């Protein structure tokens, strides 16, 4: 089982939090240009079967 989430590029704290938790960026990106500013998001995922217990 895999869990996937999107994190905004400008949210460095959240990106670090998810990396520390075991999520890895898989290269997926998306851009939202429908807002007043251009928002870029990176896709992170984690394999729930391989995640060590905490």
N, C-alpha and C. Protein backbone atom coordinates (compact mmCIF):
# COMPACT_ATOMS: atom_id res chain seq x y z
N UNK A 1 0.83 -1.18 0.00
CA UNK A 1 0.00 0.00 0.00
C UNK A 1 0.88 1.23 0.00
N UNK A 2 0.47 2.21 -0.78
CA UNK A 2 1.23 3.45 -0.90
C UNK A 2 0.34 4.63 -0.56
N UNK A 3 0.90 5.56 0.19
CA UNK A 3 0.21 6.80 0.52
C UNK A 3 0.90 7.92 -0.24
N UNK A 4 0.11 8.74 -0.94
CA UNK A 4 0.64 9.83 -1.74
C UNK A 4 0.06 11.15 -1.26
N UNK A 5 0.89 12.20 -1.27
CA UNK A 5 0.39 13.53 -0.91
C UNK A 5 1.14 14.58 -1.72
N UNK A 6 0.56 15.77 -1.77
CA UNK A 6 1.16 16.90 -2.48
C UNK A 6 1.55 17.95 -1.46
N UNK A 7 2.73 18.55 -1.65
CA UNK A 7 3.24 19.59 -0.74
C UNK A 7 3.68 20.78 -1.59
N UNK A 8 3.26 21.97 -1.17
CA UNK A 8 3.66 23.17 -1.90
C UNK A 8 5.16 23.40 -1.81
N UNK A 9 5.74 23.81 -2.91
CA UNK A 9 7.18 24.09 -2.98
C UNK A 9 7.59 25.12 -1.93
N UNK A 10 6.77 26.13 -1.70
CA UNK A 10 7.12 27.20 -0.77
C UNK A 10 7.02 26.78 0.70
N UNK A 11 6.47 25.60 0.96
CA UNK A 11 6.28 25.14 2.34
C UNK A 11 7.44 24.20 2.73
N UNK A 12 8.61 24.78 2.92
CA UNK A 12 9.81 24.00 3.24
C UNK A 12 9.66 23.22 4.54
N UNK A 13 8.97 23.78 5.51
CA UNK A 13 8.78 23.08 6.78
C UNK A 13 7.99 21.79 6.62
N UNK A 14 6.93 21.84 5.83
CA UNK A 14 6.13 20.63 5.59
C UNK A 14 6.91 19.61 4.78
N UNK A 15 7.67 20.08 3.80
CA UNK A 15 8.46 19.15 3.00
C UNK A 15 9.47 18.43 3.87
N UNK A 16 10.13 19.14 4.78
CA UNK A 16 11.09 18.52 5.69
C UNK A 16 10.39 17.55 6.64
N UNK A 17 9.23 17.94 7.15
CA UNK A 17 8.47 17.08 8.05
C UNK A 17 8.15 15.75 7.39
N UNK A 18 7.62 15.79 6.16
CA UNK A 18 7.25 14.55 5.48
C UNK A 18 8.48 13.72 5.12
N UNK A 19 9.58 14.35 4.72
CA UNK A 19 10.82 13.60 4.46
C UNK A 19 11.30 12.90 5.72
N UNK A 20 11.27 13.61 6.85
CA UNK A 20 11.70 13.01 8.12
C UNK A 20 10.80 11.83 8.51
N UNK A 21 9.55 11.87 8.11
CA UNK A 21 8.59 10.82 8.43
C UNK A 21 8.76 9.61 7.51
N UNK A 22 9.53 9.77 6.42
CA UNK A 22 9.80 8.65 5.52
C UNK A 22 9.23 8.81 4.12
N UNK A 23 8.53 9.91 3.86
CA UNK A 23 8.03 10.16 2.51
C UNK A 23 9.20 10.55 1.61
N UNK A 24 9.11 10.16 0.34
CA UNK A 24 10.14 10.55 -0.62
C UNK A 24 9.47 11.23 -1.81
N UNK A 25 10.11 12.27 -2.36
CA UNK A 25 9.56 12.88 -3.56
C UNK A 25 9.72 11.91 -4.73
N UNK A 26 8.66 11.74 -5.52
CA UNK A 26 8.74 10.77 -6.62
C UNK A 26 8.87 11.43 -7.98
N UNK A 27 9.12 12.74 -7.99
CA UNK A 27 9.32 13.45 -9.25
C UNK A 27 8.07 14.10 -9.81
N UNK A 28 6.92 13.79 -9.24
CA UNK A 28 5.68 14.39 -9.72
C UNK A 28 5.58 15.85 -9.29
N UNK A 29 5.16 16.69 -10.22
CA UNK A 29 4.93 18.10 -9.91
C UNK A 29 3.64 18.55 -10.57
N UNK A 30 3.04 19.57 -9.99
CA UNK A 30 1.90 20.20 -10.64
C UNK A 30 1.96 21.69 -10.33
N UNK A 31 1.40 22.46 -11.25
CA UNK A 31 1.43 23.91 -11.13
C UNK A 31 0.00 24.43 -11.18
N UNK A 32 -0.34 25.28 -10.22
CA UNK A 32 -1.65 25.94 -10.19
C UNK A 32 -1.43 27.40 -10.53
N UNK A 33 -1.89 27.80 -11.69
CA UNK A 33 -1.73 29.19 -12.11
C UNK A 33 -3.07 29.92 -12.10
N UNK A 34 -4.08 29.32 -11.49
CA UNK A 34 -5.40 29.93 -11.44
C UNK A 34 -5.57 30.84 -10.22
N UNK A 35 -4.54 30.94 -9.41
CA UNK A 35 -4.58 31.80 -8.23
C UNK A 35 -3.84 33.10 -8.54
N UNK A 36 -3.76 33.98 -7.57
CA UNK A 36 -3.06 35.25 -7.79
C UNK A 36 -1.55 35.06 -7.91
N UNK A 37 -1.05 33.93 -7.45
CA UNK A 37 0.37 33.61 -7.61
C UNK A 37 0.51 32.19 -8.12
N UNK A 38 1.61 31.93 -8.78
CA UNK A 38 1.88 30.59 -9.34
C UNK A 38 2.30 29.67 -8.20
N UNK A 39 1.54 28.60 -8.00
CA UNK A 39 1.85 27.64 -6.93
C UNK A 39 2.34 26.34 -7.52
N UNK A 40 3.50 25.89 -7.06
CA UNK A 40 4.08 24.63 -7.51
C UNK A 40 4.00 23.65 -6.35
N UNK A 41 3.57 22.42 -6.65
CA UNK A 41 3.48 21.38 -5.62
C UNK A 41 4.29 20.17 -6.07
N UNK A 42 4.91 19.52 -5.10
CA UNK A 42 5.67 18.30 -5.34
C UNK A 42 4.90 17.12 -4.75
N UNK A 43 4.96 15.99 -5.44
CA UNK A 43 4.29 14.78 -4.96
C UNK A 43 5.28 13.95 -4.15
N UNK A 44 4.85 13.54 -2.97
CA UNK A 44 5.62 12.68 -2.09
C UNK A 44 4.84 11.40 -1.87
N UNK A 45 5.56 10.31 -1.66
CA UNK A 45 4.86 9.06 -1.36
C UNK A 45 5.66 8.22 -0.37
N UNK A 46 4.94 7.31 0.26
CA UNK A 46 5.56 6.40 1.22
C UNK A 46 4.92 5.03 1.03
N UNK A 47 5.73 4.00 1.11
CA UNK A 47 5.24 2.62 1.05
C UNK A 47 4.88 2.21 2.47
N UNK A 48 3.61 2.03 2.74
CA UNK A 48 3.16 1.74 4.10
C UNK A 48 3.59 0.36 4.58
N UNK A 49 3.86 -0.55 3.67
CA UNK A 49 4.29 -1.89 4.08
C UNK A 49 5.75 -1.90 4.53
N UNK A 50 6.55 -0.98 3.99
CA UNK A 50 7.98 -0.95 4.32
C UNK A 50 8.31 0.05 5.41
N UNK A 51 7.33 0.84 5.83
CA UNK A 51 7.57 1.87 6.85
C UNK A 51 7.82 1.22 8.20
N UNK A 52 8.92 1.56 8.86
CA UNK A 52 9.18 0.98 10.19
C UNK A 52 8.19 1.51 11.22
N UNK A 53 7.92 0.71 12.22
CA UNK A 53 7.02 1.14 13.31
C UNK A 53 7.69 2.24 14.11
N UNK A 54 6.91 3.19 14.59
CA UNK A 54 7.43 4.28 15.43
C UNK A 54 6.88 4.15 16.81
